Amino acid sequence: MPLTVDIRDALDLKTLQTPRSLRILKIDAEDYTDWTGDPALRITVVLDESTEIERVTGEEVGEFKLAIHDNLLKNGIKLFPYKFFAKPSDLIETDEE
């Protein structure tokens, strides 16, 4: 399933409540296939390098993940969202490997 305007709207930072401790630069989505072969979404939340991971609580992350999931459902997106958090430097390291 190609990414749609609905998916982009659902992941718009203006429509999501974000915890103060998470300094989010952007949210990317791409088509993904889960381990059973079913279509899904891979959601990458790109955090600012200045985000202090030690200060982010599990509760904040859980609430934000739920907000993403709820926004997708509200926009008619039923694909399961696999969510990942990374800083730009983490993504560069992944690209180099």
PDB file of N, CA and C in Angstrom:
ATOM      1  N   MET A   1       0.853  -1.181   0.000  1.00  0.00           N
ATOM      2  CA  MET A   1       0.000   0.000   0.000  1.00  0.00           C
ATOM      3  C   MET A   1       0.894   1.236   0.000  1.00  0.00           C
ATOM      4  N   PRO A   2       0.757   2.072  -1.001  1.00  0.00           N
ATOM      5  CA  PRO A   2       1.570   3.295  -1.021  1.00  0.00           C
ATOM      6  C   PRO A   2       1.131   4.257   0.081  1.00  0.00           C
ATOM      7  N   LEU A   3       2.088   5.046   0.552  1.00  0.00           N
ATOM      8  CA  LEU A   3       1.762   6.030   1.581  1.00  0.00           C
ATOM      9  C   LEU A   3       0.776   7.040   1.026  1.00  0.00           C
ATOM     10  N   THR A   4      -0.190   7.400   1.842  1.00  0.00           N
ATOM     11  CA  THR A   4      -1.251   8.289   1.388  1.00  0.00           C
ATOM     12  C   THR A   4      -1.210   9.610   2.145  1.00  0.00           C
ATOM     13  N   VAL A   5      -2.007  10.538   1.648  1.00  0.00           N
ATOM     14  CA  VAL A   5      -2.156  11.830   2.322  1.00  0.00           C
ATOM     15  C   VAL A   5      -2.713  11.603   3.724  1.00  0.00           C
ATOM     16  N   ASP A   6      -3.619  10.625   3.878  1.00  0.00           N
ATOM     17  CA  ASP A   6      -4.202  10.333   5.190  1.00  0.00           C
ATOM     18  C   ASP A   6      -3.129   9.936   6.199  1.00  0.00           C
ATOM     19  N   ILE A   7      -2.165   9.138   5.769  1.00  0.00           N
ATOM     20  CA  ILE A   7      -1.079   8.732   6.665  1.00  0.00           C
ATOM     21  C   ILE A   7      -0.251   9.946   7.050  1.00  0.00           C
ATOM     22  N   ARG A   8       0.073  10.764   6.072  1.00  0.00           N
ATOM     23  CA  ARG A   8       0.859  11.969   6.366  1.00  0.00           C
ATOM     24  C   ARG A   8       0.094  12.907   7.310  1.00  0.00           C
ATOM     25  N   ASP A   9      -1.205  13.047   7.084  1.00  0.00           N
ATOM     26  CA  ASP A   9      -2.033  13.883   7.970  1.00  0.00           C
ATOM     27  C   ASP A   9      -2.054  13.323   9.391  1.00  0.00           C
ATOM     28  N   ALA A  10      -2.173  12.016   9.508  1.00  0.00           N
ATOM     29  CA  ALA A  10      -2.238  11.382  10.824  1.00  0.00           C
ATOM     30  C   ALA A  10      -0.940  11.552  11.600  1.00  0.00           C
ATOM     31  N   LEU A  11       0.173  11.690  10.889  1.00  0.00           N
ATOM     32  CA  LEU A  11       1.481  11.802  11.542  1.00  0.00           C
ATOM     33  C   LEU A  11       1.988  13.236  11.609  1.00  0.00           C
ATOM     34  N   ASP A  12       1.139  14.183  11.252  1.00  0.00           N
ATOM     35  CA  ASP A  12       1.525  15.595  11.299  1.00  0.00           C
ATOM     36  C   ASP A  12       1.747  16.010  12.751  1.00  0.00           C
ATOM     37  N   LEU A  13       2.918  16.550  13.032  1.00  0.00           N
ATOM     38  CA  LEU A  13       3.252  16.937  14.406  1.00  0.00           C
ATOM     39  C   LEU A  13       2.295  17.983  14.975  1.00  0.00           C
ATOM     40  N   LYS A  14       1.624  18.721  14.108  1.00  0.00           N
ATOM     41  CA  LYS A  14       0.667  19.727  14.579  1.00  0.00           C
ATOM     42  C   LYS A  14      -0.584  19.079  15.173  1.00  0.00           C
ATOM     43  N   THR A  15      -0.857  17.833  14.792  1.00  0.00           N
ATOM     44  CA  THR A  15      -2.068  17.160  15.262  1.00  0.00           C
ATOM     45  C   THR A  15      -1.799  16.169  16.392  1.00  0.00           C
ATOM     46  N   LEU A  16      -0.539  15.921  16.695  1.00  0.00           N
ATOM     47  CA  LEU A  16      -0.182  14.965  17.742  1.00  0.00           C
ATOM     48  C   LEU A  16       0.265  15.690  19.006  1.00  0.00           C
ATOM     49  N   GLN A  17      -0.196  15.217  20.133  1.00  0.00           N
ATOM     50  CA  GLN A  17       0.308  15.749  21.396  1.00  0.00           C
ATOM     51  C   GLN A  17       1.640  15.069  21.675  1.00  0.00           C
ATOM     52  N   THR A  18       2.687  15.874  21.802  1.00  0.00           N
ATOM     53  CA  THR A  18       4.013  15.313  22.027  1.00  0.00           C
ATOM     54  C   THR A  18       4.497  15.659  23.431  1.00  0.00           C
ATOM     55  N   PRO A  19       5.124  14.708  24.093  1.00  0.00           N
ATOM     56  CA  PRO A  19       5.679  14.997  25.417  1.00  0.00           C
ATOM     57  C   PRO A  19       6.779  16.052  25.315  1.00  0.00           C
ATOM     58  N   ARG A  20       6.879  16.893  26.321  1.00  0.00           N
ATOM     59  CA  ARG A  20       7.897  17.951  26.307  1.00  0.00           C
ATOM     60  C   ARG A  20       9.307  17.390  26.247  1.00  0.00           C
ATOM     61  N   SER A  21       9.510  16.231  26.861  1.00  0.00           N
ATOM     62  CA  SER A  21      10.861  15.664  26.913  1.00  0.00           C
ATOM     63  C   SER A  21      11.329  15.142  25.556  1.00  0.00           C
ATOM     64  N   LEU A  22      10.390  14.876  24.649  1.00  0.00           N
ATOM     65  CA  LEU A  22      10.749  14.400  23.309  1.00  0.00           C
ATOM     66  C   LEU A  22      10.819  15.587  22.353  1.00  0.00           C
ATOM     67  N   ARG A  23      11.995  15.926  21.940  1.00  0.00           N
ATOM     68  CA  ARG A  23      12.155  16.998  20.948  1.00  0.00           C
ATOM     69  C   ARG A  23      12.142  16.335  19.571  1.00  0.00           C
ATOM     70  N   ILE A  24      10.984  16.345  18.947  1.00  0.00           N
ATOM     71  CA  ILE A  24      10.791  15.607  17.699  1.00  0.00           C
ATOM     72  C   ILE A  24      11.027  16.517  16.508  1.00  0.00           C
ATOM     73  N   LEU A  25      11.928  16.087  15.621  1.00  0.00           N
ATOM     74  CA  LEU A  25      12.201  16.833  14.396  1.00  0.00           C
ATOM     75  C   LEU A  25      11.186  16.492  13.318  1.00  0.00           C
ATOM     76  N   LYS A  26      10.914  15.195  13.167  1.00  0.00           N
ATOM     77  CA  LYS A  26       9.959  14.765  12.140  1.00  0.00           C
ATOM     78  C   LYS A  26       9.552  13.326  12.399  1.00  0.00           C
ATOM     79  N   ILE A  27       8.506  12.938  11.713  1.00  0.00           N
ATOM     80  CA  ILE A  27       8.039  11.558  11.758  1.00  0.00           C
ATOM     81  C   ILE A  27       7.960  11.069  10.316  1.00  0.00           C
ATOM     82  N   ASP A  28       8.662   9.981  10.039  1.00  0.00           N
ATOM     83  CA  ASP A  28       8.650   9.386   8.703  1.00  0.00           C
ATOM     84  C   ASP A  28       7.847   8.092   8.731  1.00  0.00           C
ATOM     85  N   ALA A  29       7.201   7.803   7.621  1.00  0.00           N
ATOM     86  CA  ALA A  29       6.466   6.545   7.493  1.00  0.00           C
ATOM     87  C   ALA A  29       6.863   5.885   6.185  1.00  0.00           C
ATOM     88  N   GLU A  30       6.939   4.579   6.221  1.00  0.00           N
ATOM     89  CA  GLU A  30       7.213   3.841   4.990  1.00  0.00           C
ATOM     90  C   GLU A  30       6.478   2.510   5.046  1.00  0.00           C
ATOM     91  N   ASP A  31       6.214   1.983   3.865  1.00  0.00           N
ATOM     92  CA  ASP A  31       5.585   0.668   3.789  1.00  0.00           C
ATOM     93  C   ASP A  31       6.502  -0.350   4.450  1.00  0.00           C
ATOM     94  N   TYR A  32       5.901  -1.341   5.077  1.00  0.00           N
ATOM     95  CA  TYR A  32       6.663  -2.329   5.830  1.00  0.00           C
ATOM     96  C   TYR A  32       5.915  -3.650   5.726  1.00  0.00           C
ATOM     97  N   THR A  33       6.614  -4.737   5.853  1.00  0.00           N
ATOM     98  CA  THR A  33       5.995  -6.054   5.890  1.00  0.00           C
ATOM     99  C   THR A  33       6.410  -6.711   7.195  1.00  0.00           C
ATOM    100  N   ASP A  34       5.430  -7.162   7.967  1.00  0.00           N
ATOM    101  CA  ASP A  34       5.790  -7.779   9.248  1.00  0.00           C
ATOM    102  C   ASP A  34       6.298  -9.204   9.028  1.00  0.00           C
ATOM    103  N   TRP A  35       6.661  -9.861  10.112  1.00  0.00           N
ATOM    104  CA  TRP A  35       7.297 -11.173  10.002  1.00  0.00           C
ATOM    105  C   TRP A  35       6.370 -12.247   9.439  1.00  0.00           C
ATOM    106  N   THR A  36       5.058 -11.988   9.444  1.00  0.00           N
ATOM    107  CA  THR A  36       4.115 -12.953   8.882  1.00  0.00           C
ATOM    108  C   THR A  36       3.832 -12.681   7.408  1.00  0.00           C
ATOM    109  N   GLY A  37       4.394 -11.582   6.893  1.00  0.00           N
ATOM    110  CA  GLY A  37       4.165 -11.216   5.501  1.00  0.00           C
ATOM    111  C   GLY A  37       3.023 -10.242   5.302  1.00  0.00           C
ATOM    112  N   ASP A  38       2.394  -9.822   6.393  1.00  0.00           N
ATOM    113  CA  ASP A  38       1.282  -8.878   6.297  1.00  0.00           C
ATOM    114  C   ASP A  38       1.793  -7.451   6.117  1.00  0.00           C
ATOM    115  N   PRO A  39       1.053  -6.632   5.369  1.00  0.00           N
ATOM    116  CA  PRO A  39       1.450  -5.232   5.213  1.00  0.00           C
ATOM    117  C   PRO A  39       1.307  -4.483   6.537  1.00  0.00           C
ATOM    118  N   ALA A  40       2.219  -3.553   6.752  1.00  0.00           N
ATOM    119  CA  ALA A  40       2.234  -2.754   7.979  1.00  0.00           C
ATOM    120  C   ALA A  40       2.888  -1.419   7.650  1.00  0.00           C
ATOM    121  N   LEU A  41       3.095  -0.618   8.671  1.00  0.00           N
ATOM    122  CA  LEU A  41       3.804   0.659   8.521  1.00  0.00           C
ATOM    123  C   LEU A  41       5.026   0.658   9.421  1.00  0.00           C
ATOM    124  N   ARG A  42       6.102   1.218   8.940  1.00  0.00           N
ATOM    125  CA  ARG A  42       7.278   1.469   9.777  1.00  0.00           C
ATOM    126  C   ARG A  42       7.298   2.974  10.025  1.00  0.00           C
ATOM    127  N   ILE A  43       7.126   3.354  11.278  1.00  0.00           N
ATOM    128  CA  ILE A  43       7.106   4.757  11.677  1.00  0.00           C
ATOM    129  C   ILE A  43       8.432   5.059  12.373  1.00  0.00           C
ATOM    130  N   THR A  44       9.175   6.025  11.850  1.00  0.00           N
ATOM    131  CA  THR A  44      10.425   6.442  12.476  1.00  0.00           C
ATOM    132  C   THR A  44      10.239   7.848  13.017  1.00  0.00           C
ATOM    133  N   VAL A  45      10.384   7.970  14.330  1.00  0.00           N
ATOM    134  CA  VAL A  45      10.300   9.261  15.003  1.00  0.00           C
ATOM    135  C   VAL A  45      11.732   9.760  15.159  1.00  0.00           C
ATOM    136  N   VAL A  46      12.052  10.858  14.471  1.00  0.00           N
ATOM    137  CA  VAL A  46      13.413  11.397  14.500  1.00  0.00           C
ATOM    138  C   VAL A  46      13.483  12.471  15.581  1.00  0.00           C
ATOM    139  N   LEU A  47      14.330  12.203  16.572  1.00  0.00           N
ATOM    140  CA  LEU A  47      14.486  13.100  17.720  1.00  0.00           C
ATOM    141  C   LEU A  47      15.661  14.040  17.514  1.00  0.00           C
ATOM    142  N   ASP A  48      15.524  15.244  18.025  1.00  0.00           N
ATOM    143  CA  ASP A  48      16.628  16.202  18.004  1.00  0.00           C
ATOM    144  C   ASP A  48      17.799  15.626  18.803  1.00  0.00           C
ATOM    145  N   GLU A  49      19.013  15.921  18.356  1.00  0.00           N
ATOM    146  CA  GLU A  49      20.211  15.430  19.055  1.00  0.00           C
ATOM    147  C   GLU A  49      20.250  15.880  20.512  1.00  0.00           C
ATOM    148  N   SER A  50      19.601  17.006  20.824  1.00  0.00           N
ATOM    149  CA  SER A  50      19.633  17.528  22.194  1.00  0.00           C
ATOM    150  C   SER A  50      18.656  16.817  23.133  1.00  0.00           C
ATOM    151  N   THR A  51      17.863  15.898  22.614  1.00  0.00           N
ATOM    152  CA  THR A  51      16.920  15.171  23.460  1.00  0.00           C
ATOM    153  C   THR A  51      17.693  14.324  24.465  1.00  0.00           C
ATOM    154  N   GLU A  52      17.394  14.524  25.732  1.00  0.00           N
ATOM    155  CA  GLU A  52      18.054  13.764  26.796  1.00  0.00           C
ATOM    156  C   GLU A  52      17.238  12.498  27.066  1.00  0.00           C
ATOM    157  N   ILE A  53      17.677  11.409  26.473  1.00  0.00           N
ATOM    158  CA  ILE A  53      16.945  10.151  26.549  1.00  0.00           C
ATOM    159  C   ILE A  53      16.693   9.733  28.002  1.00  0.00           C
ATOM    160  N   GLU A  54      17.650  10.029  28.889  1.00  0.00           N
ATOM    161  CA  GLU A  54      17.500   9.642  30.298  1.00  0.00           C
ATOM    162  C   GLU A  54      16.301  10.311  30.955  1.00  0.00           C
ATOM    163  N   ARG A  55      15.882  11.433  30.412  1.00  0.00           N
ATOM    164  CA  ARG A  55      14.768  12.188  31.011  1.00  0.00           C
ATOM    165  C   ARG A  55      13.409  11.792  30.430  1.00  0.00           C
ATOM    166  N   VAL A  56      13.416  10.950  29.429  1.00  0.00           N
ATOM    167  CA  VAL A  56      12.170  10.517  28.802  1.00  0.00           C
ATOM    168  C   VAL A  56      11.661   9.290  29.554  1.00  0.00           C
ATOM    169  N   THR A  57      10.414   9.348  29.994  1.00  0.00           N
ATOM    170  CA  THR A  57       9.853   8.218  30.739  1.00  0.00           C
ATOM    171  C   THR A  57       9.154   7.240  29.799  1.00  0.00           C
ATOM    172  N   GLY A  58       9.053   6.018  30.251  1.00  0.00           N
ATOM    173  CA  GLY A  58       8.334   5.006  29.488  1.00  0.00           C
ATOM    174  C   GLY A  58       6.873   5.379  29.298  1.00  0.00           C
ATOM    175  N   GLU A  59       6.310   6.027  30.306  1.00  0.00           N
ATOM    176  CA  GLU A  59       4.914   6.458  30.218  1.00  0.00           C
ATOM    177  C   GLU A  59       4.735   7.476  29.089  1.00  0.00           C
ATOM    178  N   GLU A  60       5.667   8.430  28.979  1.00  0.00           N
ATOM    179  CA  GLU A  60       5.585   9.436  27.911  1.00  0.00           C
ATOM    180  C   GLU A  60       5.684   8.783  26.536  1.00  0.00           C
ATOM    181  N   VAL A  61       6.613   7.863  26.396  1.00  0.00           N
ATOM    182  CA  VAL A  61       6.779   7.170  25.114  1.00  0.00           C
ATOM    183  C   VAL A  61       5.526   6.365  24.797  1.00  0.00           C
ATOM    184  N   GLY A  62       5.001   5.661  25.790  1.00  0.00           N
ATOM    185  CA  GLY A  62       3.794   4.867  25.583  1.00  0.00           C
ATOM    186  C   GLY A  62       2.601   5.712  25.164  1.00  0.00           C
ATOM    187  N   GLU A  63       2.424   6.851  25.822  1.00  0.00           N
ATOM    188  CA  GLU A  63       1.318   7.747  25.466  1.00  0.00           C
ATOM    189  C   GLU A  63       1.485   8.297  24.053  1.00  0.00           C
ATOM    190  N   PHE A  64       2.728   8.618  23.681  1.00  0.00           N
ATOM    191  CA  PHE A  64       2.964   9.144  22.339  1.00  0.00           C
ATOM    192  C   PHE A  64       2.722   8.064  21.283  1.00  0.00           C
ATOM    193  N   LYS A  65       3.165   6.841  21.548  1.00  0.00           N
ATOM    194  CA  LYS A  65       2.910   5.738  20.616  1.00  0.00           C
ATOM    195  C   LYS A  65       1.407   5.515  20.450  1.00  0.00           C
ATOM    196  N   LEU A  66       0.679   5.596  21.552  1.00  0.00           N
ATOM    197  CA  LEU A  66      -0.776   5.433  21.496  1.00  0.00           C
ATOM    198  C   LEU A  66      -1.417   6.562  20.692  1.00  0.00           C
ATOM    199  N   ALA A  67      -0.912   7.786  20.854  1.00  0.00           N
ATOM    200  CA  ALA A  67      -1.438   8.925  20.089  1.00  0.00           C
ATOM    201  C   ALA A  67      -1.228   8.702  18.589  1.00  0.00           C
ATOM    202  N   ILE A  68      -0.061   8.176  18.213  1.00  0.00           N
ATOM    203  CA  ILE A  68       0.197   7.869  16.799  1.00  0.00           C
ATOM    204  C   ILE A  68      -0.813   6.834  16.316  1.00  0.00           C
ATOM    205  N   HIS A  69      -0.956   5.755  17.067  1.00  0.00           N
ATOM    206  CA  HIS A  69      -1.874   4.678  16.693  1.00  0.00           C
ATOM    207  C   HIS A  69      -3.304   5.193  16.563  1.00  0.00           C
ATOM    208  N   ASP A  70      -3.756   5.972  17.553  1.00  0.00           N
ATOM    209  CA  ASP A  70      -5.119   6.512  17.530  1.00  0.00           C
ATOM    210  C   ASP A  70      -5.335   7.454  16.350  1.00  0.00           C
ATOM    211  N   ASN A  71      -4.348   8.297  16.055  1.00  0.00           N
ATOM    212  CA  ASN A  71      -4.471   9.223  14.925  1.00  0.00           C
ATOM    213  C   ASN A  71      -4.552   8.466  13.604  1.00  0.00           C
ATOM    214  N   LEU A  72      -3.778   7.403  13.471  1.00  0.00           N
ATOM    215  CA  LEU A  72      -3.855   6.591  12.253  1.00  0.00           C
ATOM    216  C   LEU A  72      -5.251   5.990  12.108  1.00  0.00           C
ATOM    217  N   LEU A  73      -5.773   5.415  13.179  1.00  0.00           N
ATOM    218  CA  LEU A  73      -7.117   4.825  13.128  1.00  0.00           C
ATOM    219  C   LEU A  73      -8.176   5.874  12.807  1.00  0.00           C
ATOM    220  N   LYS A  74      -8.043   7.054  13.414  1.00  0.00           N
ATOM    221  CA  LYS A  74      -8.997   8.145  13.175  1.00  0.00           C
ATOM    222  C   LYS A  74      -9.001   8.555  11.702  1.00  0.00           C
ATOM    223  N   ASN A  75      -7.861   8.375  11.028  1.00  0.00           N
ATOM    224  CA  ASN A  75      -7.754   8.711   9.609  1.00  0.00           C
ATOM    225  C   ASN A  75      -8.006   7.507   8.703  1.00  0.00           C
ATOM    226  N   GLY A  76      -8.524   6.420   9.277  1.00  0.00           N
ATOM    227  CA  GLY A  76      -8.892   5.251   8.483  1.00  0.00           C
ATOM    228  C   GLY A  76      -7.735   4.334   8.125  1.00  0.00           C
ATOM    229  N   ILE A  77      -6.592   4.496   8.775  1.00  0.00           N
ATOM    230  CA  ILE A  77      -5.420   3.664   8.491  1.00  0.00           C
ATOM    231  C   ILE A  77      -5.423   2.503   9.475  1.00  0.00           C
ATOM    232  N   LYS A  78      -5.607   1.288   8.961  1.00  0.00           N
ATOM    233  CA  LYS A  78      -5.709   0.128   9.833  1.00  0.00           C
ATOM    234  C   LYS A  78      -4.430  -0.713   9.860  1.00  0.00           C
ATOM    235  N   LEU A  79      -3.424  -0.311   9.111  1.00  0.00           N
ATOM    236  CA  LEU A  79      -2.154  -1.036   9.133  1.00  0.00           C
ATOM    237  C   LEU A  79      -1.499  -0.891  10.500  1.00  0.00           C
ATOM    238  N   PHE A  80      -0.869  -1.967  10.975  1.00  0.00           N
ATOM    239  CA  PHE A  80      -0.204  -1.887  12.274  1.00  0.00           C
ATOM    240  C   PHE A  80       1.043  -1.022  12.154  1.00  0.00           C
ATOM    241  N   PRO A  81       1.224  -0.056  13.060  1.00  0.00           N
ATOM    242  CA  PRO A  81       2.405   0.814  12.995  1.00  0.00           C
ATOM    243  C   PRO A  81       3.538   0.309  13.900  1.00  0.00           C
ATOM    244  N   TYR A  82       4.623  -0.130  13.286  1.00  0.00           N
ATOM    245  CA  TYR A  82       5.831  -0.466  14.047  1.00  0.00           C
ATOM    246  C   TYR A  82       6.592   0.837  14.234  1.00  0.00           C
ATOM    247  N   LYS A  83       6.792   1.221  15.492  1.00  0.00           N
ATOM    248  CA  LYS A  83       7.348   2.549  15.783  1.00  0.00           C
ATOM    249  C   LYS A  83       8.778   2.438  16.299  1.00  0.00           C
ATOM    250  N   PHE A  84       9.650   3.286  15.740  1.00  0.00           N
ATOM    251  CA  PHE A  84      11.056   3.327  16.113  1.00  0.00           C
ATOM    252  C   PHE A  84      11.438   4.768  16.412  1.00  0.00           C
ATOM    253  N   PHE A  85      12.315   4.961  17.375  1.00  0.00           N
ATOM    254  CA  PHE A  85      12.800   6.290  17.748  1.00  0.00           C
ATOM    255  C   PHE A  85      14.299   6.327  17.496  1.00  0.00           C
ATOM    256  N   ALA A  86      14.776   7.416  16.892  1.00  0.00           N
ATOM    257  CA  ALA A  86      16.208   7.552  16.615  1.00  0.00           C
ATOM    258  C   ALA A  86      16.570   9.021  16.492  1.00  0.00           C
ATOM    259  N   LYS A  87      17.831   9.293  16.750  1.00  0.00           N
ATOM    260  CA  LYS A  87      18.385  10.622  16.496  1.00  0.00           C
ATOM    261  C   LYS A  87      19.039  10.583  15.119  1.00  0.00           C
ATOM    262  N   PRO A  88      19.226  11.739  14.471  1.00  0.00           N
ATOM    263  CA  PRO A  88      19.857  11.740  13.147  1.00  0.00           C
ATOM    264  C   PRO A  88      21.197  11.001  13.135  1.00  0.00           C
ATOM    265  N   SER A  89      21.981  11.142  14.199  1.00  0.00           N
ATOM    266  CA  SER A  89      23.278  10.460  14.242  1.00  0.00           C
ATOM    267  C   SER A  89      23.104   8.939  14.259  1.00  0.00           C
ATOM    268  N   ASP A  90      22.033   8.454  14.863  1.00  0.00           N
ATOM    269  CA  ASP A  90      21.754   7.014  14.857  1.00  0.00           C
ATOM    270  C   ASP A  90      21.426   6.541  13.448  1.00  0.00           C
ATOM    271  N   LEU A  91      20.692   7.358  12.716  1.00  0.00           N
ATOM    272  CA  LEU A  91      20.300   6.988  11.358  1.00  0.00           C
ATOM    273  C   LEU A  91      21.501   6.978  10.422  1.00  0.00           C
ATOM    274  N   ILE A  92      22.437   7.889  10.623  1.00  0.00           N
ATOM    275  CA  ILE A  92      23.651   7.920   9.804  1.00  0.00           C
ATOM    276  C   ILE A  92      24.460   6.658  10.044  1.00  0.00           C
ATOM    277  N   GLU A  93      24.594   6.256  11.312  1.00  0.00           N
ATOM    278  CA  GLU A  93      25.330   5.042  11.642  1.00  0.00           C
ATOM    279  C   GLU A  93      24.686   3.831  10.982  1.00  0.00           C
ATOM    280  N   THR A  94      23.363   3.776  10.958  1.00  0.00           N
ATOM    281  CA  THR A  94      22.655   2.671  10.333  1.00  0.00           C
ATOM    282  C   THR A  94      22.899   2.655   8.831  1.00  0.00           C
ATOM    283  N   ASP A  95      22.884   3.826   8.194  1.00  0.00           N
ATOM    284  CA  ASP A  95      23.112   3.915   6.754  1.00  0.00           C
ATOM    285  C   ASP A  95      24.511   3.459   6.378  1.00  0.00           C
ATOM    286  N   GLU A  96      25.491   3.714   7.244  1.00  0.00           N
ATOM    287  CA  GLU A  96      26.873   3.368   6.941  1.00  0.00           C
ATOM    288  C   GLU A  96      27.124   1.874   7.053  1.00  0.00           C
ATOM    289  N   GLU A  97      26.302   1.151   7.814  1.00  0.00           N
ATOM    290  CA  GLU A  97      26.511  -0.290   8.027  1.00  0.00           C
ATOM    291  C   GLU A  97      25.999  -1.083   6.900  1.00  0.00           C
TER     292      GLU A  97
END
